[in-house]
Protein backbone atom coordinates (compact mmCIF):
# COMPACT_ATOMS: atom_id res chain seq x y z
CA UNK A 1 -33.98 55.21 -4.40
CA UNK A 2 -33.40 53.28 -7.53
CA UNK A 3 -34.36 54.36 -11.03
CA UNK A 4 -36.01 50.95 -11.33
CA UNK A 5 -38.29 51.65 -8.34
CA UNK A 6 -39.22 55.07 -9.65
CA UNK A 7 -39.90 53.80 -13.15
CA UNK A 8 -42.40 51.38 -11.62
CA UNK A 9 -44.62 54.29 -10.57
CA UNK A 10 -47.64 53.83 -12.79
CA UNK A 11 -51.14 55.28 -12.91
CA UNK A 12 -52.21 52.21 -10.90
CA UNK A 13 -49.62 53.09 -8.24
CA UNK A 14 -50.94 56.65 -8.06
CA UNK A 15 -54.53 55.37 -7.90
CA UNK A 16 -53.50 53.13 -5.01
CA UNK A 17 -51.98 56.10 -3.17
CA UNK A 18 -55.17 58.12 -3.77
CA UNK A 19 -57.35 55.29 -2.37
CA UNK A 20 -57.09 56.55 1.24
CA UNK A 21 -60.61 57.87 1.80
CA UNK A 22 -59.50 59.78 4.93
CA UNK A 23 -57.31 61.99 2.74
CA UNK A 24 -59.21 61.79 -0.56
CA UNK A 25 -62.89 61.36 0.32
CA UNK A 26 -65.17 60.74 -2.63
CA UNK A 27 -62.54 59.69 -5.18
CA UNK A 28 -63.72 56.58 -6.99
CA UNK A 29 -61.45 53.55 -6.87
CA UNK A 30 -61.82 53.22 -10.65
CA UNK A 31 -60.74 56.81 -11.40
CA UNK A 32 -59.73 56.93 -15.07
CA UNK A 33 -56.10 57.71 -15.87
CA UNK A 34 -57.00 60.99 -17.60
CA UNK A 35 -59.98 62.06 -15.48
CA UNK A 36 -59.60 65.64 -14.22
CA UNK A 37 -58.34 65.68 -10.66
CA UNK A 38 -57.81 68.56 -8.25
CA UNK A 39 -55.65 67.88 -5.21
CA UNK A 40 -55.82 70.29 -2.32
CA UNK A 41 -52.59 71.25 -0.54
CA UNK A 42 -53.06 68.67 2.26
CA UNK A 43 -53.73 65.91 -0.29
CA UNK A 44 -50.71 66.87 -2.38
CA UNK A 45 -48.47 67.00 0.72
CA UNK A 46 -49.68 63.58 1.85
CA UNK A 47 -49.23 62.10 -1.62
CA UNK A 48 -45.64 63.38 -1.88
CA UNK A 49 -44.91 62.13 1.64
CA UNK A 50 -46.14 58.65 0.69
CA UNK A 51 -44.06 58.67 -2.50
CA UNK A 52 -40.98 59.54 -0.45
CA UNK A 53 -41.73 56.82 2.10
CA UNK A 54 -42.41 54.10 -0.47
CA UNK A 55 -39.97 54.98 -3.19
CA UNK A 56 -37.38 57.19 -1.52
CA UNK A 57 -38.23 59.95 -3.96
CA UNK A 58 -38.39 63.43 -2.43
CA UNK A 59 -39.79 66.05 -4.79
CA UNK A 60 -40.82 69.65 -4.32
CA UNK A 61 -42.84 70.62 -7.37
CA UNK A 62 -42.94 74.19 -8.50
CA UNK A 63 -46.28 76.01 -8.63
CA UNK A 64 -46.35 75.40 -12.39
CA UNK A 65 -45.71 71.70 -11.90
CA UNK A 66 -48.42 71.50 -9.21
CA UNK A 67 -50.89 73.03 -11.67
CA UNK A 68 -50.04 70.23 -14.14
CA UNK A 69 -50.78 67.46 -11.60
CA UNK A 70 -54.36 67.26 -12.78
CA UNK A 71 -54.82 63.55 -13.53
CA UNK A 72 -53.59 60.17 -12.34
CA UNK A 73 -51.48 59.80 -15.50
CA UNK A 74 -49.94 63.25 -15.20
CA UNK A 75 -48.99 62.62 -11.56
CA UNK A 76 -47.37 59.28 -12.47
CA UNK A 77 -45.49 60.87 -15.40
CA UNK A 78 -44.29 63.73 -13.20
CA UNK A 79 -43.01 61.38 -10.51
CA UNK A 80 -41.18 59.15 -12.96
CA UNK A 81 -39.61 62.16 -14.65
CA UNK A 82 -38.66 63.77 -11.33
CA UNK A 83 -37.02 60.53 -10.22
CA UNK A 84 -35.09 60.05 -13.43
CA UNK A 85 -37.32 57.22 -14.63
CA UNK A 86 -38.84 56.88 -18.07
CA UNK A 87 -41.47 59.56 -18.59
CA UNK A 88 -43.89 57.13 -20.29
């Protein structure tokens, strides 16, 4: 994993990861960055697995961090911060 790869995780990257309708049925492709989002445990597990596969970033968020993953922007910010990338 490179800091450069992790810093490239943007809201658009997260939106792309959330586009799998088998895992996230009903999420619109044009989901706004700050729209409220609730991920179930399967969805969160799948998302974190995909991040690890694509970016080499393995994270295990605390319960408090999971509660904060409530929008596309917050997920992107969390992943960049967890990977040592720029938080914004």
